[in-house]
C-alpha atoms as a PDB file:
ATOM      1  CA  MET A   1       0.000   0.000   0.000  1.00  0.00           C
ATOM      2  CA  ASP A   2       1.639   3.252  -1.055  1.00  0.00           C
ATOM      3  CA  LYS A   3       1.141   6.932  -0.273  1.00  0.00           C
ATOM      4  CA  LYS A   4      -0.918   7.513  -3.425  1.00  0.00           C
ATOM      5  CA  TYR A   5      -3.433   4.932  -2.240  1.00  0.00           C
ATOM      6  CA  LEU A   6      -3.741   6.722   1.081  1.00  0.00           C
ATOM      7  CA  GLU A   7      -4.270  10.040  -0.662  1.00  0.00           C
ATOM      8  CA  ARG A   8      -7.080   8.533  -2.774  1.00  0.00           C
ATOM      9  CA  HIS A   9      -8.519   6.943   0.351  1.00  0.00           C
ATOM     10  CA  ILE A  10      -8.466  10.208   2.261  1.00  0.00           C
ATOM     11  CA  SER A  11     -10.106  12.181  -0.502  1.00  0.00           C
ATOM     12  CA  ASN A  12     -12.877   9.663  -1.224  1.00  0.00           C
ATOM     13  CA  SER A  13     -13.801   8.068   2.101  1.00  0.00           C
ATOM     14  CA  PHE A  14     -14.275   9.129   5.696  1.00  0.00           C
ATOM     15  CA  ASP A  15     -11.665  11.814   5.162  1.00  0.00           C
ATOM     16  CA  THR A  16     -12.400  14.035   8.145  1.00  0.00           C
ATOM     17  CA  GLU A  17     -11.882  11.336  10.757  1.00  0.00           C
ATOM     18  CA  ILE A  18      -8.752   9.914   9.149  1.00  0.00           C
ATOM     19  CA  LYS A  19      -7.195  13.330   8.548  1.00  0.00           C
ATOM     20  CA  THR A  20      -7.912  14.272  12.149  1.00  0.00           C
ATOM     21  CA  ILE A  21      -6.335  11.101  13.498  1.00  0.00           C
ATOM     22  CA  ILE A  22      -3.201  11.456  11.353  1.00  0.00           C
ATOM     23  CA  SER A  23      -2.696  15.155  12.067  1.00  0.00           C
ATOM     24  CA  GLN A  24      -3.237  14.729  15.811  1.00  0.00           C
ATOM     25  CA  ILE A  25      -0.828  11.775  15.974  1.00  0.00           C
ATOM     26  CA  LEU A  26       1.802  13.957  14.320  1.00  0.00           C
ATOM     27  CA  GLU A  27       1.066  16.816  16.736  1.00  0.00           C
ATOM     28  CA  MET A  28       1.351  14.445  19.673  1.00  0.00           C
ATOM     29  CA  GLY A  29       4.538  12.982  18.237  1.00  0.00           C
ATOM     30  CA  ASN A  30       6.123  16.411  17.834  1.00  0.00           C
ATOM     31  CA  ILE A  31       5.271  17.286  21.434  1.00  0.00           C
ATOM     32  CA  VAL A  32       6.772  14.025  22.687  1.00  0.00           C
ATOM     33  CA  GLU A  33       9.892  14.545  20.574  1.00  0.00           C
ATOM     34  CA  GLN A  34      10.338  17.934  22.231  1.00  0.00           C
ATOM     35  CA  GLN A  35       9.830  16.283  25.620  1.00  0.00           C
ATOM     36  CA  ILE A  36      12.760  13.972  24.931  1.00  0.00           C
ATOM     37  CA  GLN A  37      15.004  16.887  24.013  1.00  0.00           C
ATOM     38  CA  ASP A  38      13.902  19.014  26.956  1.00  0.00           C
ATOM     39  CA  SER A  39      14.231  16.216  29.511  1.00  0.00           C
ATOM     40  CA  VAL A  40      17.765  15.422  28.358  1.00  0.00           C
ATOM     41  CA  THR A  41      18.738  19.098  28.399  1.00  0.00           C
ATOM     42  CA  ALA A  42      17.189  19.464  31.861  1.00  0.00           C
ATOM     43  CA  ILE A  43      19.237  16.658  33.405  1.00  0.00           C
ATOM     44  CA  VAL A  44      22.489  17.508  31.629  1.00  0.00           C
ATOM     45  CA  SER A  45      22.318  21.217  32.482  1.00  0.00           C
ATOM     46  CA  THR A  46      20.442  20.784  35.808  1.00  0.00           C
ATOM     47  CA  ASN A  47      17.684  23.051  34.532  1.00  0.00           C
ATOM     48  CA  LYS A  48      14.850  22.946  37.052  1.00  0.00           C
ATOM     49  CA  ALA A  49      12.441  25.092  35.016  1.00  0.00           C
ATOM     50  CA  LEU A  50      12.839  22.905  31.948  1.00  0.00           C
ATOM     51  CA  ALA A  51      12.362  19.735  33.983  1.00  0.00           C
ATOM     52  CA  GLU A  52       9.140  21.121  35.435  1.00  0.00           C
ATOM     53  CA  LYS A  53       7.978  22.041  31.936  1.00  0.00           C
ATOM     54  CA  VAL A  54       8.438  18.435  30.743  1.00  0.00           C
ATOM     55  CA  ILE A  55       6.435  17.139  33.705  1.00  0.00           C
ATOM     56  CA  GLU A  56       3.644  19.644  33.054  1.00  0.00           C
ATOM     57  CA  VAL A  57       3.509  18.893  29.326  1.00  0.00           C
ATOM     58  CA  GLU A  58       2.976  15.200  30.078  1.00  0.00           C
ATOM     59  CA  ASN A  59      -0.543  16.048  31.287  1.00  0.00           C
ATOM     60  CA  ASP A  60      -1.310  17.398  27.808  1.00  0.00           C
ATOM     61  CA  VAL A  61       0.126  14.239  26.216  1.00  0.00           C
ATOM     62  CA  ASP A  62      -2.101  12.083  28.437  1.00  0.00           C
ATOM     63  CA  MET A  63      -5.182  14.080  27.455  1.00  0.00           C
ATOM     64  CA  ARG A  64      -4.295  13.782  23.767  1.00  0.00           C
ATOM     65  CA  GLU A  65      -4.027  10.014  24.153  1.00  0.00           C
ATOM     66  CA  VAL A  66      -7.517   9.835  25.666  1.00  0.00           C
ATOM     67  CA  ARG A  67      -9.074  12.079  22.996  1.00  0.00           C
ATOM     68  CA  LEU A  68      -7.446  10.169  20.139  1.00  0.00           C
ATOM     69  CA  ASP A  69      -8.534   6.850  21.599  1.00  0.00           C
ATOM     70  CA  GLU A  70     -12.090   8.159  21.686  1.00  0.00           C
ATOM     71  CA  ILE A  71     -11.913   9.251  18.043  1.00  0.00           C
ATOM     72  CA  CYS A  72     -10.502   5.899  16.932  1.00  0.00           C
ATOM     73  CA  THR A  73     -13.122   3.980  18.910  1.00  0.00           C
ATOM     74  CA  GLU A  74     -15.893   6.045  17.357  1.00  0.00           C
ATOM     75  CA  VAL A  75     -14.549   5.435  13.842  1.00  0.00           C
ATOM     76  CA  LEU A  76     -14.365   1.684  14.494  1.00  0.00           C
ATOM     77  CA  ALA A  77     -17.921   1.607  15.813  1.00  0.00           C
ATOM     78  CA  CYS A  78     -19.539   3.869  13.223  1.00  0.00           C
ATOM     79  CA  ARG A  79     -17.558   3.112  10.069  1.00  0.00           C
ATOM     80  CA  GLN A  80     -16.736  -0.566  10.628  1.00  0.00           C
ATOM     81  CA  PRO A  81     -13.614  -0.250   8.450  1.00  0.00           C
ATOM     82  CA  ALA A  82     -11.969  -3.195   6.708  1.00  0.00           C
ATOM     83  CA  ALA A  83      -8.606  -4.001   5.094  1.00  0.00           C
ATOM     84  CA  PHE A  84      -6.284  -0.966   4.927  1.00  0.00           C
ATOM     85  CA  ASP A  85      -8.826   1.265   6.672  1.00  0.00           C
ATOM     86  CA  LEU A  86      -8.969  -1.101   9.630  1.00  0.00           C
ATOM     87  CA  ARG A  87      -5.191  -1.378   9.792  1.00  0.00           C
ATOM     88  CA  MET A  88      -4.940   2.408   9.801  1.00  0.00           C
ATOM     89  CA  ILE A  89      -7.159   2.704  12.885  1.00  0.00           C
ATOM     90  CA  LEU A  90      -5.566  -0.225  14.713  1.00  0.00           C
ATOM     91  CA  SER A  91      -2.060   1.059  13.975  1.00  0.00           C
ATOM     92  CA  ALA A  92      -3.068   4.545  15.080  1.00  0.00           C
ATOM     93  CA  THR A  93      -4.252   3.315  18.483  1.00  0.00           C
ATOM     94  CA  ARG A  94      -0.991   1.427  18.980  1.00  0.00           C
ATOM     95  CA  ILE A  95       1.184   4.354  17.896  1.00  0.00           C
ATOM     96  CA  ILE A  96      -0.736   6.665  20.225  1.00  0.00           C
ATOM     97  CA  ARG A  97      -0.107   4.308  23.141  1.00  0.00           C
ATOM     98  CA  ASP A  98       3.620   4.121  22.469  1.00  0.00           C
ATOM     99  CA  LEU A  99       3.888   7.884  22.118  1.00  0.00           C
ATOM    100  CA  GLU A 100       2.252   8.281  25.520  1.00  0.00           C
ATOM    101  CA  HIS A 101       4.697   5.770  27.011  1.00  0.00           C
ATOM    102  CA  ILE A 102       7.641   7.721  25.567  1.00  0.00           C
ATOM    103  CA  GLY A 103       6.219  10.844  27.183  1.00  0.00           C
ATOM    104  CA  ASP A 104       6.023   8.986  30.497  1.00  0.00           C
ATOM    105  CA  GLU A 105       9.690   8.044  30.238  1.00  0.00           C
ATOM    106  CA  ALA A 106      10.665  11.626  29.384  1.00  0.00           C
ATOM    107  CA  GLN A 107       8.808  12.720  32.498  1.00  0.00           C
ATOM    108  CA  LYS A 108      10.846  10.237  34.553  1.00  0.00           C
ATOM    109  CA  VAL A 109      14.078  11.704  33.163  1.00  0.00           C
ATOM    110  CA  ALA A 110      12.840  15.164  34.147  1.00  0.00           C
ATOM    111  CA  LYS A 111      12.118  13.939  37.673  1.00  0.00           C
ATOM    112  CA  MET A 112      15.670  12.594  37.903  1.00  0.00           C
ATOM    113  CA  ALA A 113      16.869  16.052  36.876  1.00  0.00           C
ATOM    114  CA  LEU A 114      14.954  17.577  39.792  1.00  0.00           C
ATOM    115  CA  ARG A 115      16.409  15.052  42.232  1.00  0.00           C
ATOM    116  CA  LEU A 116      19.943  15.771  41.056  1.00  0.00           C
ATOM    117  CA  LYS A 117      19.244  19.479  41.386  1.00  0.00           C
ATOM    118  CA  LYS A 118      18.616  18.871  45.102  1.00  0.00           C
ATOM    119  CA  LYS A 119      21.307  16.239  45.762  1.00  0.00           C
ATOM    120  CA  GLY A 120      24.084  17.629  43.610  1.00  0.00           C
ATOM    121  CA  ALA A 121      25.641  16.415  40.378  1.00  0.00           C
ATOM    122  CA  ALA A 122      26.393  12.755  39.761  1.00  0.00           C
ATOM    123  CA  PRO A 123      30.032  11.737  39.165  1.00  0.00           C
ATOM    124  CA  GLY A 124      29.404  11.061  35.485  1.00  0.00           C
ATOM    125  CA  GLY A 125      27.041   9.702  32.874  1.00  0.00           C
ATOM    126  CA  TYR A 126      25.898  13.008  31.449  1.00  0.00           C
ATOM    127  CA  ASN A 127      27.631  12.538  28.097  1.00  0.00           C
ATOM    128  CA  GLU A 128      26.018   9.111  27.822  1.00  0.00           C
ATOM    129  CA  ILE A 129      22.572  10.564  28.544  1.00  0.00           C
ATOM    130  CA  GLU A 130      23.086  13.270  25.949  1.00  0.00           C
ATOM    131  CA  HIS A 131      24.198  10.745  23.341  1.00  0.00           C
ATOM    132  CA  MET A 132      21.368   8.285  24.019  1.00  0.00           C
ATOM    133  CA  GLY A 133      18.880  11.129  24.075  1.00  0.00           C
ATOM    134  CA  ALA A 134      19.952  12.223  20.600  1.00  0.00           C
ATOM    135  CA  LEU A 135      19.606   8.639  19.366  1.00  0.00           C
ATOM    136  CA  VAL A 136      16.075   8.079  20.651  1.00  0.00           C
ATOM    137  CA  GLN A 137      14.931  11.535  19.564  1.00  0.00           C
ATOM    138  CA  GLY A 138      16.257  10.819  16.076  1.00  0.00           C
ATOM    139  CA  MET A 139      14.462   7.481  16.056  1.00  0.00           C
ATOM    140  CA  LEU A 140      11.150   9.113  16.889  1.00  0.00           C
ATOM    141  CA  HIS A 141      11.649  11.841  14.279  1.00  0.00           C
ATOM    142  CA  SER A 142      12.350   9.195  11.625  1.00  0.00           C
ATOM    143  CA  ALA A 143       9.403   7.066  12.764  1.00  0.00           C
ATOM    144  CA  LEU A 144       6.998   9.987  12.430  1.00  0.00           C
ATOM    145  CA  HIS A 145       8.345  10.720   8.959  1.00  0.00           C
ATOM    146  CA  ALA A 146       7.969   7.048   8.006  1.00  0.00           C
ATOM    147  CA  PHE A 147       4.346   7.216   9.193  1.00  0.00           C
ATOM    148  CA  THR A 148       3.528  10.245   7.059  1.00  0.00           C
ATOM    149  CA  GLN A 149       5.191   8.711   3.989  1.00  0.00           C
ATOM    150  CA  LEU A 150       4.132   5.099   4.629  1.00  0.00           C
ATOM    151  CA  ASP A 151       7.819   4.301   4.242  1.00  0.00           C
ATOM    152  CA  VAL A 152       8.547   0.707   5.266  1.00  0.00           C
ATOM    153  CA  THR A 153      12.270   1.048   4.527  1.00  0.00           C
ATOM    154  CA  GLN A 154      12.589   3.950   6.934  1.00  0.00           C
ATOM    155  CA  ALA A 155      10.468   2.146   9.518  1.00  0.00           C
ATOM    156  CA  LEU A 156      12.778  -0.853   9.315  1.00  0.00           C
ATOM    157  CA  ALA A 157      15.786   1.444   9.784  1.00  0.00           C
ATOM    158  CA  VAL A 158      14.168   2.801  12.962  1.00  0.00           C
ATOM    159  CA  ALA A 159      13.677  -0.742  14.267  1.00  0.00           C
ATOM    160  CA  LYS A 160      17.331  -1.508  13.559  1.00  0.00           C
ATOM    161  CA  SER A 161      18.421   1.599  15.469  1.00  0.00           C
ATOM    162  CA  ASP A 162      17.043   0.146  18.688  1.00  0.00           C
ATOM    163  CA  LYS A 163      19.989  -2.271  18.750  1.00  0.00           C
ATOM    164  CA  LYS A 164      22.347   0.707  18.821  1.00  0.00           C
ATOM    165  CA  VAL A 165      20.424   2.233  21.720  1.00  0.00           C
ATOM    166  CA  ASP A 166      20.699  -1.066  23.611  1.00  0.00           C
ATOM    167  CA  ARG A 167      24.456  -1.168  23.066  1.00  0.00           C
ATOM    168  CA  GLU A 168      24.824   2.426  24.219  1.00  0.00           C
ATOM    169  CA  PHE A 169      22.789   1.635  27.341  1.00  0.00           C
ATOM    170  CA  LYS A 170      24.951  -1.353  28.289  1.00  0.00           C
ATOM    171  CA  SER A 171      28.120   0.655  27.752  1.00  0.00           C
ATOM    172  CA  ALA A 172      26.761   3.555  29.811  1.00  0.00           C
ATOM    173  CA  MET A 173      25.788   1.211  32.653  1.00  0.00           C
ATOM    174  CA  ARG A 174      29.346  -0.094  32.861  1.00  0.00           C
ATOM    175  CA  THR A 175      30.655   3.461  33.042  1.00  0.00           C
ATOM    176  CA  ILE A 176      28.249   4.435  35.828  1.00  0.00           C
ATOM    177  CA  VAL A 177      28.984   1.310  37.860  1.00  0.00           C
ATOM    178  CA  THR A 178      32.686   2.135  37.645  1.00  0.00           C
ATOM    179  CA  HIS A 179      31.969   5.602  39.042  1.00  0.00           C
ATOM    180  CA  MET A 180      29.963   4.060  41.874  1.00  0.00           C
ATOM    181  CA  ILE A 181      32.789   1.697  42.782  1.00  0.00           C
ATOM    182  CA  ASP A 182      35.352   4.489  42.718  1.00  0.00           C
ATOM    183  CA  ASP A 183      33.176   6.818  44.799  1.00  0.00           C
ATOM    184  CA  PRO A 184      30.659   4.942  47.015  1.00  0.00           C
ATOM    185  CA  LYS A 185      29.351   8.232  48.396  1.00  0.00           C
ATOM    186  CA  SER A 186      28.009   9.070  44.930  1.00  0.00           C
ATOM    187  CA  ILE A 187      25.882   5.931  44.618  1.00  0.00           C
ATOM    188  CA  LYS A 188      22.511   7.613  45.254  1.00  0.00           C
ATOM    189  CA  ARG A 189      23.225  10.341  42.716  1.00  0.00           C
ATOM    190  CA  ALA A 190      24.570   7.818  40.222  1.00  0.00           C
ATOM    191  CA  MET A 191      21.372   5.789  40.587  1.00  0.00           C
ATOM    192  CA  ASN A 192      19.418   8.775  39.289  1.00  0.00           C
ATOM    193  CA  ILE A 193      21.592   8.749  36.179  1.00  0.00           C
ATOM    194  CA  LEU A 194      21.018   5.011  35.788  1.00  0.00           C
ATOM    195  CA  SER A 195      17.251   5.554  36.051  1.00  0.00           C
ATOM    196  CA  ALA A 196      17.400   8.228  33.363  1.00  0.00           C
ATOM    197  CA  LEU A 197      19.436   5.950  31.091  1.00  0.00           C
ATOM    198  CA  ARG A 198      16.922   3.156  31.627  1.00  0.00           C
ATOM    199  CA  SER A 199      14.106   5.492  30.607  1.00  0.00           C
ATOM    200  CA  LEU A 200      15.955   6.429  27.436  1.00  0.00           C
ATOM    201  CA  GLU A 201      16.493   2.746  26.646  1.00  0.00           C
ATOM    202  CA  ARG A 202      12.759   2.156  27.048  1.00  0.00           C
ATOM    203  CA  MET A 203      12.047   5.073  24.703  1.00  0.00           C
ATOM    204  CA  GLY A 204      14.099   3.222  22.110  1.00  0.00           C
ATOM    205  CA  ASN A 205      11.911   0.161  22.610  1.00  0.00           C
ATOM    206  CA  HIS A 206       8.751   2.192  22.108  1.00  0.00           C
ATOM    207  CA  ASN A 207      10.196   3.773  18.961  1.00  0.00           C
ATOM    208  CA  ARG A 208      10.834   0.298  17.619  1.00  0.00           C
ATOM    209  CA  ASN A 209       7.208  -0.574  18.438  1.00  0.00           C
ATOM    210  CA  ILE A 210       6.036   2.417  16.399  1.00  0.00           C
ATOM    211  CA  ALA A 211       8.161   1.239  13.482  1.00  0.00           C
ATOM    212  CA  GLU A 212       6.573  -2.206  13.730  1.00  0.00           C
ATOM    213  CA  HIS A 213       3.085  -0.650  13.716  1.00  0.00           C
ATOM    214  CA  ILE A 214       3.960   1.240  10.523  1.00  0.00           C
ATOM    215  CA  ILE A 215       5.101  -1.988   8.854  1.00  0.00           C
ATOM    216  CA  TYR A 216       1.810  -3.594   9.855  1.00  0.00           C
ATOM    217  CA  LEU A 217      -0.133  -0.611   8.509  1.00  0.00           C
ATOM    218  CA  VAL A 218       1.578  -0.614   5.125  1.00  0.00           C
ATOM    219  CA  LYS A 219       2.194  -4.313   4.523  1.00  0.00           C
ATOM    220  CA  GLY A 220      -0.364  -6.023   6.746  1.00  0.00           C
ATOM    221  CA  LEU A 221       2.460  -7.986   8.384  1.00  0.00           C
ATOM    222  CA  ASP A 222       2.591  -8.423  12.145  1.00  0.00           C
ATOM    223  CA  VAL A 223       6.314  -8.210  12.918  1.00  0.00           C
ATOM    224  CA  ARG A 224       6.005  -7.781  16.666  1.00  0.00           C
ATOM    225  CA  HIS A 225       8.426  -9.973  18.638  1.00  0.00           C
ATOM    226  CA  SER A 226      10.392 -10.596  15.423  1.00  0.00           C
ATOM    227  CA  SER A 227      14.143 -10.197  15.105  1.00  0.00           C
ATOM    228  CA  ILE A 228      15.504  -7.768  12.543  1.00  0.00           C
ATOM    229  CA  LYS A 229      16.477 -10.705  10.317  1.00  0.00           C
ATOM    230  CA  GLU A 230      12.934 -12.094  10.571  1.00  0.00           C
ATOM    231  CA  MET A 231      11.517  -8.673   9.693  1.00  0.00           C
ATOM    232  CA  GLU A 232      13.756  -8.407   6.661  1.00  0.00           C
ATOM    233  CA  SER A 233      12.766 -11.906   5.582  1.00  0.00           C
ATOM    234  CA  LYS A 234       9.060 -11.136   5.891  1.00  0.00           C
ATOM    235  CA  LEU A 235       9.540  -7.930   3.914  1.00  0.00           C
ATOM    236  CA  GLY A 236      11.566  -9.692   1.246  1.00  0.00           C
ATOM    237  CA  ASN A 237      14.711  -7.639   1.965  1.00  0.00           C
END
């Protein structure tokens, strides 16, 4: 199913509902992408105001999730879509859920920033947070673009990027543990950095989920719980 099909579908079928769902998913995605950036900046620069902003914005993300779920449920009930139309709505509900989860994790990073503001800086890990933050933010940006273009190749690239995030997380954990061993008094502060890194790793997982939902939308293939090699095989790559 290509972009031209979607354009014909939008112009000739229940266009208002579909356009609303797509545009609001992109709005929600852009807000969440900014949350990632702001939460990382907040913890790296110990910016209390920015951390509080991320936490406050999460309320808006939660409300958007609820409203979009309501719209999707109404479309399913009233339109009884089939084939591509049904996959569009099902994929939308799944993408919305993962976006909300990413927002939750960004909020956790912001909370770690506030704790470190009170307790003092951790002995290290800030470069690792900044690097992982850029990776997961880039993944989300690419995933949203893949959604708008119905681009399976780009979606697959996003899924592959999750492996890189996992490697970065494991490397960062080793670095933090070394700091904790060298300076036992810093353990509590270092644990806040570890929590933030864990949240960023989970964001990577949710970005991969979004990529998998896009593949399902476009190709009708359920690639959840599949390895990258299995995905490529199913897609004929």
